[in-house]
N, C-alpha and C. Protein backbone atom coordinates (compact mmCIF):
# COMPACT_ATOMS: atom_id res chain seq x y z
N UNK A 1 19.34 -81.72 -41.50
CA UNK A 1 18.78 -81.21 -40.28
C UNK A 1 19.67 -80.17 -39.64
N UNK A 2 20.87 -80.33 -39.91
CA UNK A 2 21.81 -79.40 -39.33
C UNK A 2 21.51 -77.99 -39.80
N UNK A 3 21.11 -77.84 -41.08
CA UNK A 3 20.77 -76.53 -41.63
C UNK A 3 19.51 -75.97 -40.98
N UNK A 4 18.56 -76.95 -40.76
CA UNK A 4 17.32 -76.50 -40.13
C UNK A 4 17.59 -76.04 -38.71
N UNK A 5 18.44 -76.71 -37.98
CA UNK A 5 18.80 -76.33 -36.62
C UNK A 5 19.48 -74.98 -36.61
N UNK A 6 20.30 -74.75 -37.61
CA UNK A 6 20.97 -73.44 -37.68
C UNK A 6 19.96 -72.33 -37.90
N UNK A 7 18.95 -72.57 -38.73
CA UNK A 7 17.92 -71.55 -38.98
C UNK A 7 17.10 -71.29 -37.72
N UNK A 8 16.79 -72.35 -36.99
CA UNK A 8 16.03 -72.19 -35.75
C UNK A 8 16.84 -71.40 -34.74
N UNK A 9 18.10 -71.79 -34.63
CA UNK A 9 18.95 -71.06 -33.67
C UNK A 9 19.14 -69.61 -34.10
N UNK A 10 19.23 -69.38 -35.37
CA UNK A 10 19.37 -68.01 -35.88
C UNK A 10 18.10 -67.21 -35.59
N UNK A 11 16.94 -67.82 -35.77
CA UNK A 11 15.67 -67.16 -35.49
C UNK A 11 15.54 -66.87 -34.00
N UNK A 12 15.93 -67.83 -33.19
CA UNK A 12 15.88 -67.64 -31.73
C UNK A 12 16.82 -66.52 -31.32
N UNK A 13 18.01 -66.50 -31.88
CA UNK A 13 18.99 -65.46 -31.55
C UNK A 13 18.48 -64.09 -32.00
N UNK A 14 17.86 -64.04 -33.19
CA UNK A 14 17.31 -62.77 -33.68
C UNK A 14 16.18 -62.30 -32.78
N UNK A 15 15.32 -63.23 -32.37
CA UNK A 15 14.22 -62.89 -31.45
C UNK A 15 14.73 -62.37 -30.12
N UNK A 16 15.77 -63.06 -29.61
CA UNK A 16 16.36 -62.60 -28.35
C UNK A 16 16.99 -61.23 -28.52
N UNK A 17 17.60 -60.99 -29.67
CA UNK A 17 18.21 -59.68 -29.94
C UNK A 17 17.16 -58.58 -29.95
N UNK A 18 16.01 -58.88 -30.60
CA UNK A 18 14.91 -57.89 -30.63
C UNK A 18 14.39 -57.65 -29.22
N UNK A 19 14.23 -58.72 -28.45
CA UNK A 19 13.76 -58.57 -27.07
C UNK A 19 14.75 -57.74 -26.23
N UNK A 20 16.03 -57.98 -26.46
CA UNK A 20 17.05 -57.21 -25.72
C UNK A 20 16.97 -55.74 -26.10
N UNK A 21 16.79 -55.45 -27.40
CA UNK A 21 16.69 -54.05 -27.84
C UNK A 21 15.45 -53.40 -27.24
N UNK A 22 14.32 -54.12 -27.25
CA UNK A 22 13.08 -53.59 -26.65
C UNK A 22 13.29 -53.35 -25.16
N UNK A 23 13.96 -54.29 -24.48
CA UNK A 23 14.22 -54.14 -23.05
C UNK A 23 15.12 -52.93 -22.78
N UNK A 24 16.14 -52.73 -23.63
CA UNK A 24 17.02 -51.57 -23.46
C UNK A 24 16.26 -50.26 -23.67
N UNK A 25 15.38 -50.24 -24.66
CA UNK A 25 14.56 -49.03 -24.89
C UNK A 25 13.67 -48.78 -23.68
N UNK A 26 13.05 -49.85 -23.17
CA UNK A 26 12.18 -49.74 -22.00
C UNK A 26 12.97 -49.23 -20.79
N UNK A 27 14.17 -49.73 -20.61
CA UNK A 27 15.03 -49.29 -19.50
C UNK A 27 15.38 -47.81 -19.67
N UNK A 28 15.66 -47.37 -20.90
CA UNK A 28 15.97 -45.96 -21.16
C UNK A 28 14.77 -45.07 -20.83
N UNK A 29 13.58 -45.50 -21.23
CA UNK A 29 12.36 -44.73 -20.95
C UNK A 29 12.14 -44.64 -19.44
N UNK A 30 12.26 -45.77 -18.75
CA UNK A 30 12.10 -45.77 -17.29
C UNK A 30 13.16 -44.92 -16.61
N UNK A 31 14.38 -44.95 -17.13
CA UNK A 31 15.45 -44.12 -16.57
C UNK A 31 15.13 -42.63 -16.71
N UNK A 32 14.59 -42.24 -17.87
CA UNK A 32 14.19 -40.84 -18.07
C UNK A 32 13.09 -40.43 -17.10
N UNK A 33 12.10 -41.31 -16.94
CA UNK A 33 11.01 -41.01 -16.01
C UNK A 33 11.53 -40.92 -14.58
N UNK A 34 12.44 -41.82 -14.22
CA UNK A 34 13.02 -41.79 -12.89
C UNK A 34 13.82 -40.51 -12.67
N UNK A 35 14.54 -40.07 -13.70
CA UNK A 35 15.30 -38.82 -13.59
C UNK A 35 14.37 -37.63 -13.37
N UNK A 36 13.25 -37.57 -14.12
CA UNK A 36 12.28 -36.48 -13.93
C UNK A 36 11.67 -36.53 -12.53
N UNK A 37 11.38 -37.75 -12.07
CA UNK A 37 10.83 -37.91 -10.73
C UNK A 37 11.84 -37.45 -9.67
N UNK A 38 13.11 -37.77 -9.88
CA UNK A 38 14.16 -37.33 -8.95
C UNK A 38 14.28 -35.81 -8.92
N UNK A 39 14.21 -35.17 -10.11
CA UNK A 39 14.27 -33.70 -10.16
C UNK A 39 13.06 -33.09 -9.46
N UNK A 40 11.89 -33.68 -9.68
CA UNK A 40 10.68 -33.18 -9.02
C UNK A 40 10.79 -33.34 -7.51
N UNK A 41 11.35 -34.45 -7.07
CA UNK A 41 11.54 -34.68 -5.63
C UNK A 41 12.51 -33.65 -5.04
N UNK A 42 13.62 -33.41 -5.75
CA UNK A 42 14.58 -32.40 -5.27
C UNK A 42 13.95 -31.01 -5.23
N UNK A 43 13.11 -30.73 -6.22
CA UNK A 43 12.44 -29.42 -6.25
C UNK A 43 11.47 -29.31 -5.09
N UNK A 44 10.76 -30.38 -4.78
CA UNK A 44 9.81 -30.38 -3.68
C UNK A 44 10.52 -30.28 -2.34
N UNK A 45 11.56 -31.07 -2.18
CA UNK A 45 12.31 -31.08 -0.92
C UNK A 45 13.08 -29.78 -0.78
N UNK A 46 13.73 -29.34 -1.86
CA UNK A 46 14.46 -28.07 -1.86
C UNK A 46 15.51 -28.02 -0.78
N UNK A 47 15.57 -26.87 -0.11
CA UNK A 47 16.56 -26.64 0.94
C UNK A 47 15.99 -26.90 2.32
N UNK A 48 14.97 -27.75 2.41
CA UNK A 48 14.37 -28.00 3.72
C UNK A 48 15.28 -28.83 4.60
N UNK A 49 16.16 -29.59 4.01
CA UNK A 49 17.03 -30.46 4.79
C UNK A 49 16.31 -31.70 5.29
N UNK A 50 15.11 -31.94 4.79
CA UNK A 50 14.32 -33.10 5.20
C UNK A 50 14.25 -34.05 4.01
N UNK A 51 14.93 -35.19 4.09
CA UNK A 51 14.99 -36.07 2.91
C UNK A 51 13.72 -36.88 2.67
N UNK A 52 12.94 -37.18 3.69
CA UNK A 52 11.77 -38.04 3.51
C UNK A 52 10.59 -37.21 3.04
N UNK A 53 9.91 -37.69 2.03
CA UNK A 53 8.79 -36.98 1.43
C UNK A 53 7.66 -36.76 2.44
N UNK A 54 7.40 -37.73 3.27
CA UNK A 54 6.33 -37.61 4.26
C UNK A 54 6.61 -36.46 5.22
N UNK A 55 7.86 -36.36 5.68
CA UNK A 55 8.22 -35.27 6.59
C UNK A 55 8.15 -33.92 5.89
N UNK A 56 8.52 -33.90 4.61
CA UNK A 56 8.43 -32.65 3.83
C UNK A 56 6.97 -32.21 3.76
N UNK A 57 6.09 -33.15 3.47
CA UNK A 57 4.67 -32.81 3.38
C UNK A 57 4.12 -32.32 4.72
N UNK A 58 4.54 -32.94 5.82
CA UNK A 58 4.11 -32.48 7.14
C UNK A 58 4.62 -31.06 7.40
N UNK A 59 5.88 -30.81 7.06
CA UNK A 59 6.45 -29.47 7.27
C UNK A 59 5.71 -28.44 6.42
N UNK A 60 5.41 -28.79 5.17
CA UNK A 60 4.67 -27.86 4.31
C UNK A 60 3.26 -27.62 4.85
N UNK A 61 2.63 -28.66 5.36
CA UNK A 61 1.29 -28.51 5.93
C UNK A 61 1.32 -27.57 7.14
N UNK A 62 2.31 -27.73 7.99
CA UNK A 62 2.44 -26.84 9.15
C UNK A 62 2.66 -25.40 8.71
N UNK A 63 3.50 -25.21 7.70
CA UNK A 63 3.80 -23.86 7.20
C UNK A 63 2.55 -23.22 6.60
N UNK A 64 1.77 -24.01 5.87
CA UNK A 64 0.52 -23.49 5.31
C UNK A 64 -0.43 -23.08 6.42
N UNK A 65 -0.49 -23.88 7.49
CA UNK A 65 -1.33 -23.52 8.64
C UNK A 65 -0.89 -22.22 9.28
N UNK A 66 0.43 -22.04 9.42
CA UNK A 66 0.94 -20.79 9.99
C UNK A 66 0.59 -19.61 9.09
N UNK A 67 0.75 -19.78 7.79
CA UNK A 67 0.44 -18.70 6.85
C UNK A 67 -1.05 -18.37 6.87
N UNK A 68 -1.89 -19.38 7.00
CA UNK A 68 -3.33 -19.15 7.06
C UNK A 68 -3.69 -18.37 8.32
N UNK A 69 -3.07 -18.71 9.44
CA UNK A 69 -3.30 -17.96 10.68
C UNK A 69 -2.85 -16.52 10.55
N UNK A 70 -1.71 -16.33 9.94
CA UNK A 70 -1.20 -14.97 9.72
C UNK A 70 -2.12 -14.19 8.80
N UNK A 71 -2.64 -14.84 7.77
CA UNK A 71 -3.56 -14.17 6.85
C UNK A 71 -4.83 -13.74 7.57
N UNK A 72 -5.34 -14.60 8.45
CA UNK A 72 -6.55 -14.25 9.21
C UNK A 72 -6.30 -13.05 10.12
N UNK A 73 -5.15 -13.03 10.77
CA UNK A 73 -4.81 -11.89 11.63
C UNK A 73 -4.72 -10.61 10.81
N UNK A 74 -4.08 -10.68 9.66
CA UNK A 74 -3.96 -9.49 8.81
C UNK A 74 -5.31 -9.04 8.28
N UNK A 75 -6.17 -9.99 7.97
CA UNK A 75 -7.51 -9.65 7.50
C UNK A 75 -8.30 -8.95 8.60
N UNK A 76 -8.19 -9.43 9.84
CA UNK A 76 -8.87 -8.79 10.96
C UNK A 76 -8.33 -7.37 11.18
N UNK A 77 -7.02 -7.20 11.07
CA UNK A 77 -6.43 -5.87 11.20
C UNK A 77 -6.93 -4.94 10.09
N UNK A 78 -7.02 -5.47 8.88
CA UNK A 78 -7.50 -4.66 7.76
C UNK A 78 -8.93 -4.20 7.99
N UNK A 79 -9.79 -5.09 8.45
CA UNK A 79 -11.18 -4.74 8.73
C UNK A 79 -11.23 -3.66 9.81
N UNK A 80 -10.40 -3.83 10.85
CA UNK A 80 -10.36 -2.84 11.93
C UNK A 80 -9.94 -1.48 11.40
N UNK A 81 -8.91 -1.45 10.55
CA UNK A 81 -8.43 -0.18 10.00
C UNK A 81 -9.44 0.43 9.05
N UNK A 82 -10.15 -0.40 8.29
CA UNK A 82 -11.18 0.13 7.40
C UNK A 82 -12.29 0.78 8.21
N UNK A 83 -12.68 0.18 9.33
CA UNK A 83 -13.71 0.78 10.20
C UNK A 83 -13.23 2.11 10.77
N UNK A 84 -11.98 2.13 11.22
CA UNK A 84 -11.42 3.37 11.77
C UNK A 84 -11.34 4.45 10.70
N UNK A 85 -10.95 4.06 9.50
CA UNK A 85 -10.82 5.02 8.41
C UNK A 85 -12.17 5.61 8.04
N UNK A 86 -13.21 4.77 8.03
CA UNK A 86 -14.55 5.27 7.70
C UNK A 86 -15.05 6.25 8.75
N UNK A 87 -14.62 6.07 10.01
CA UNK A 87 -15.09 6.94 11.09
C UNK A 87 -14.32 8.26 11.14
N UNK A 88 -13.18 8.34 10.48
CA UNK A 88 -12.39 9.58 10.51
C UNK A 88 -13.11 10.69 9.78
N UNK A 89 -12.98 11.89 10.32
CA UNK A 89 -13.61 13.06 9.71
C UNK A 89 -12.62 13.66 8.72
N UNK A 90 -12.57 13.12 7.52
CA UNK A 90 -11.57 13.55 6.55
C UNK A 90 -12.14 14.28 5.35
N UNK A 91 -13.44 14.46 5.31
CA UNK A 91 -14.06 15.16 4.18
C UNK A 91 -14.41 16.57 4.62
N UNK A 92 -13.89 17.53 3.88
CA UNK A 92 -14.05 18.94 4.26
C UNK A 92 -14.69 19.69 3.09
N UNK A 93 -15.70 20.48 3.41
CA UNK A 93 -16.34 21.33 2.41
C UNK A 93 -16.34 22.76 2.90
N UNK A 94 -15.92 23.69 2.05
CA UNK A 94 -15.86 25.11 2.41
C UNK A 94 -16.79 25.87 1.47
N UNK A 95 -17.66 26.69 2.05
CA UNK A 95 -18.56 27.53 1.27
C UNK A 95 -18.44 28.95 1.79
N UNK A 96 -18.02 29.86 0.92
CA UNK A 96 -17.89 31.28 1.29
C UNK A 96 -19.10 32.05 0.78
N UNK A 97 -19.50 33.04 1.57
CA UNK A 97 -20.67 33.82 1.17
C UNK A 97 -20.60 35.21 1.80
N UNK A 98 -21.45 36.09 1.28
CA UNK A 98 -21.56 37.46 1.79
C UNK A 98 -22.78 37.49 2.70
N UNK A 99 -22.57 37.59 4.01
CA UNK A 99 -23.66 37.54 4.97
C UNK A 99 -24.49 38.83 4.97
N UNK A 100 -23.85 39.96 4.72
CA UNK A 100 -24.56 41.25 4.75
C UNK A 100 -24.30 41.95 3.43
N UNK A 101 -25.33 42.43 2.81
CA UNK A 101 -25.18 43.05 1.49
C UNK A 101 -24.42 44.37 1.54
N UNK A 102 -24.39 45.03 2.69
CA UNK A 102 -23.72 46.33 2.76
C UNK A 102 -22.23 46.21 3.06
N UNK A 103 -21.71 45.01 3.35
CA UNK A 103 -20.27 44.86 3.62
C UNK A 103 -19.59 44.30 2.38
N UNK A 104 -18.30 44.18 2.43
CA UNK A 104 -17.44 43.79 1.30
C UNK A 104 -17.81 42.50 0.62
N UNK A 105 -16.82 41.74 0.29
CA UNK A 105 -17.02 40.51 -0.50
C UNK A 105 -17.35 39.33 0.40
N UNK A 106 -17.11 38.12 -0.11
CA UNK A 106 -17.46 36.88 0.59
C UNK A 106 -16.51 36.63 1.76
N UNK A 107 -16.74 37.35 2.86
CA UNK A 107 -15.87 37.20 4.03
C UNK A 107 -16.44 36.21 5.04
N UNK A 108 -17.70 35.86 4.93
CA UNK A 108 -18.30 34.87 5.82
C UNK A 108 -18.10 33.48 5.20
N UNK A 109 -18.18 32.45 6.04
CA UNK A 109 -17.90 31.10 5.54
C UNK A 109 -18.63 30.05 6.37
N UNK A 110 -18.78 28.89 5.76
CA UNK A 110 -19.23 27.68 6.47
C UNK A 110 -18.27 26.57 6.08
N UNK A 111 -17.76 25.87 7.07
CA UNK A 111 -16.84 24.75 6.86
C UNK A 111 -17.46 23.51 7.48
N UNK A 112 -17.63 22.47 6.68
CA UNK A 112 -18.15 21.19 7.19
C UNK A 112 -17.01 20.18 7.18
N UNK A 113 -16.85 19.49 8.31
CA UNK A 113 -15.85 18.42 8.44
C UNK A 113 -16.64 17.17 8.83
N UNK A 114 -16.72 16.21 7.88
CA UNK A 114 -17.56 15.03 8.10
C UNK A 114 -16.82 13.76 7.68
N UNK A 115 -17.41 12.61 8.08
CA UNK A 115 -16.90 11.31 7.63
C UNK A 115 -17.86 10.75 6.58
N UNK A 116 -17.72 9.47 6.25
CA UNK A 116 -18.57 8.85 5.23
C UNK A 116 -20.05 8.91 5.58
N UNK A 117 -20.37 8.83 6.87
CA UNK A 117 -21.76 8.81 7.32
C UNK A 117 -22.30 10.21 7.58
N UNK A 118 -21.56 11.23 7.20
CA UNK A 118 -21.89 12.64 7.42
C UNK A 118 -22.00 12.97 8.91
N UNK A 119 -21.20 12.30 9.72
CA UNK A 119 -21.07 12.65 11.13
C UNK A 119 -19.89 13.60 11.25
N UNK A 120 -20.03 14.64 12.05
CA UNK A 120 -18.92 15.57 12.22
C UNK A 120 -19.40 16.90 12.78
N UNK A 121 -18.91 17.98 12.18
CA UNK A 121 -19.23 19.32 12.67
C UNK A 121 -19.25 20.29 11.49
N UNK A 122 -20.07 21.33 11.64
CA UNK A 122 -20.06 22.42 10.67
C UNK A 122 -19.78 23.71 11.44
N UNK A 123 -18.80 24.47 10.96
CA UNK A 123 -18.41 25.74 11.57
C UNK A 123 -18.84 26.86 10.63
N UNK A 124 -19.47 27.88 11.19
CA UNK A 124 -19.90 29.02 10.38
C UNK A 124 -19.36 30.29 11.01
N UNK A 125 -18.70 31.08 10.19
CA UNK A 125 -18.18 32.38 10.63
C UNK A 125 -18.93 33.48 9.90
N UNK A 126 -19.60 34.33 10.66
CA UNK A 126 -20.35 35.46 10.10
C UNK A 126 -19.51 36.71 10.33
N UNK A 127 -19.10 37.35 9.24
CA UNK A 127 -18.23 38.52 9.32
C UNK A 127 -19.06 39.78 9.12
N UNK A 128 -19.02 40.67 10.12
CA UNK A 128 -19.68 41.98 10.02
C UNK A 128 -18.65 43.08 9.98
N UNK A 129 -19.11 44.35 9.99
CA UNK A 129 -18.17 45.47 9.94
C UNK A 129 -17.32 45.55 11.20
N UNK A 130 -17.94 45.41 12.32
CA UNK A 130 -17.27 45.62 13.60
C UNK A 130 -16.85 44.33 14.29
N UNK A 131 -17.45 43.23 13.94
CA UNK A 131 -17.19 41.99 14.69
C UNK A 131 -17.41 40.75 13.81
N UNK A 132 -17.01 39.62 14.38
CA UNK A 132 -17.21 38.35 13.70
C UNK A 132 -17.78 37.36 14.71
N UNK A 133 -18.72 36.54 14.25
CA UNK A 133 -19.33 35.52 15.10
C UNK A 133 -18.99 34.15 14.52
N UNK A 134 -18.68 33.22 15.41
CA UNK A 134 -18.34 31.86 14.98
C UNK A 134 -19.29 30.89 15.66
N UNK A 135 -19.91 30.03 14.86
CA UNK A 135 -20.86 29.05 15.37
C UNK A 135 -20.39 27.65 15.00
N UNK A 136 -20.56 26.72 15.92
CA UNK A 136 -20.22 25.31 15.67
C UNK A 136 -21.46 24.48 15.94
N UNK A 137 -21.78 23.61 14.98
CA UNK A 137 -22.96 22.76 15.13
C UNK A 137 -22.55 21.31 14.87
N UNK A 138 -22.86 20.41 15.80
CA UNK A 138 -22.53 18.99 15.58
C UNK A 138 -23.46 18.39 14.52
N UNK A 139 -22.93 17.40 13.81
CA UNK A 139 -23.71 16.72 12.77
C UNK A 139 -23.81 15.24 13.07
N UNK A 140 -24.98 14.70 12.84
CA UNK A 140 -25.21 13.26 12.94
C UNK A 140 -26.02 12.86 11.71
N UNK A 141 -25.40 12.10 10.82
CA UNK A 141 -26.03 11.69 9.56
C UNK A 141 -26.45 12.91 8.73
N UNK A 142 -25.65 13.97 8.76
CA UNK A 142 -25.92 15.16 7.96
C UNK A 142 -26.94 16.10 8.57
N UNK A 143 -27.48 15.74 9.73
CA UNK A 143 -28.48 16.57 10.41
C UNK A 143 -27.91 17.08 11.73
N UNK A 144 -28.47 18.18 12.20
CA UNK A 144 -28.02 18.75 13.46
C UNK A 144 -29.23 19.01 14.35
N UNK A 145 -28.99 19.02 15.65
CA UNK A 145 -30.05 19.38 16.59
C UNK A 145 -30.36 20.87 16.47
N UNK A 146 -29.45 21.62 15.87
CA UNK A 146 -29.63 23.05 15.66
C UNK A 146 -30.02 23.28 14.20
N UNK A 147 -30.76 24.35 13.97
CA UNK A 147 -31.21 24.66 12.61
C UNK A 147 -30.00 24.98 11.73
N UNK A 148 -29.95 24.36 10.57
CA UNK A 148 -28.85 24.58 9.63
C UNK A 148 -29.26 25.62 8.59
N UNK A 149 -28.36 26.55 8.33
CA UNK A 149 -28.62 27.57 7.31
C UNK A 149 -28.38 26.97 5.93
N UNK A 150 -28.88 27.61 4.87
CA UNK A 150 -28.62 27.10 3.51
C UNK A 150 -27.12 27.02 3.21
N UNK A 151 -26.34 27.96 3.73
CA UNK A 151 -24.89 27.95 3.50
C UNK A 151 -24.24 26.75 4.19
N UNK A 152 -24.70 26.44 5.38
CA UNK A 152 -24.17 25.28 6.10
C UNK A 152 -24.54 23.98 5.37
N UNK A 153 -25.75 23.91 4.87
CA UNK A 153 -26.18 22.74 4.10
C UNK A 153 -25.33 22.61 2.84
N UNK A 154 -25.00 23.75 2.22
CA UNK A 154 -24.16 23.73 1.03
C UNK A 154 -22.76 23.21 1.37
N UNK A 155 -22.20 23.64 2.50
CA UNK A 155 -20.87 23.17 2.93
C UNK A 155 -20.90 21.66 3.20
N UNK A 156 -21.97 21.18 3.83
CA UNK A 156 -22.11 19.74 4.10
C UNK A 156 -22.19 18.97 2.78
N UNK A 157 -22.94 19.51 1.84
CA UNK A 157 -23.06 18.87 0.53
C UNK A 157 -21.71 18.82 -0.18
N UNK A 158 -20.94 19.91 -0.11
CA UNK A 158 -19.61 19.93 -0.74
C UNK A 158 -18.69 18.90 -0.09
N UNK A 159 -18.75 18.80 1.23
CA UNK A 159 -17.89 17.83 1.94
C UNK A 159 -18.29 16.40 1.60
N UNK A 160 -19.58 16.14 1.45
CA UNK A 160 -20.05 14.78 1.17
C UNK A 160 -19.68 14.32 -0.22
N UNK A 161 -19.47 15.25 -1.14
CA UNK A 161 -19.15 14.90 -2.52
C UNK A 161 -17.70 14.45 -2.67
N UNK A 162 -16.86 14.77 -1.72
CA UNK A 162 -15.43 14.45 -1.84
C UNK A 162 -15.19 12.99 -1.48
N UNK A 163 -14.23 12.38 -2.15
CA UNK A 163 -13.84 10.99 -1.88
C UNK A 163 -12.63 10.99 -1.02
């Protein structure tokens, strides 16, 4: 019986050894996971100086709220500037022509200064031998209360084509 007891004790010791090895492996795996969790926590907390995760999350939530408010303000400013930019008279069209067949070259001109909606002004200079006449006509949606000449319409068309 003594031999049988030795075999039982040997089997029990071997089983305990296997359990200890499994437990050590499990501890190593958990230690690795804990280390990754600690690194993730340090990365999340960073240089905030706030050690508790709940406080870090509250601070981040407040910061996100501030950034969202700032983004809304900037978006409103952008819309305002886009409206102002569309209203600016930045498109210019120049059309030169010869008003009188008996005078020199293309000394007369029409200049249209308009915005995206074709609001603005068209200036026409008629050059003669002895004098020059300058006319200004306001534009609203490419039309004027005054009759537009073909040259003025051409200048408006040239200005409208520009980006």
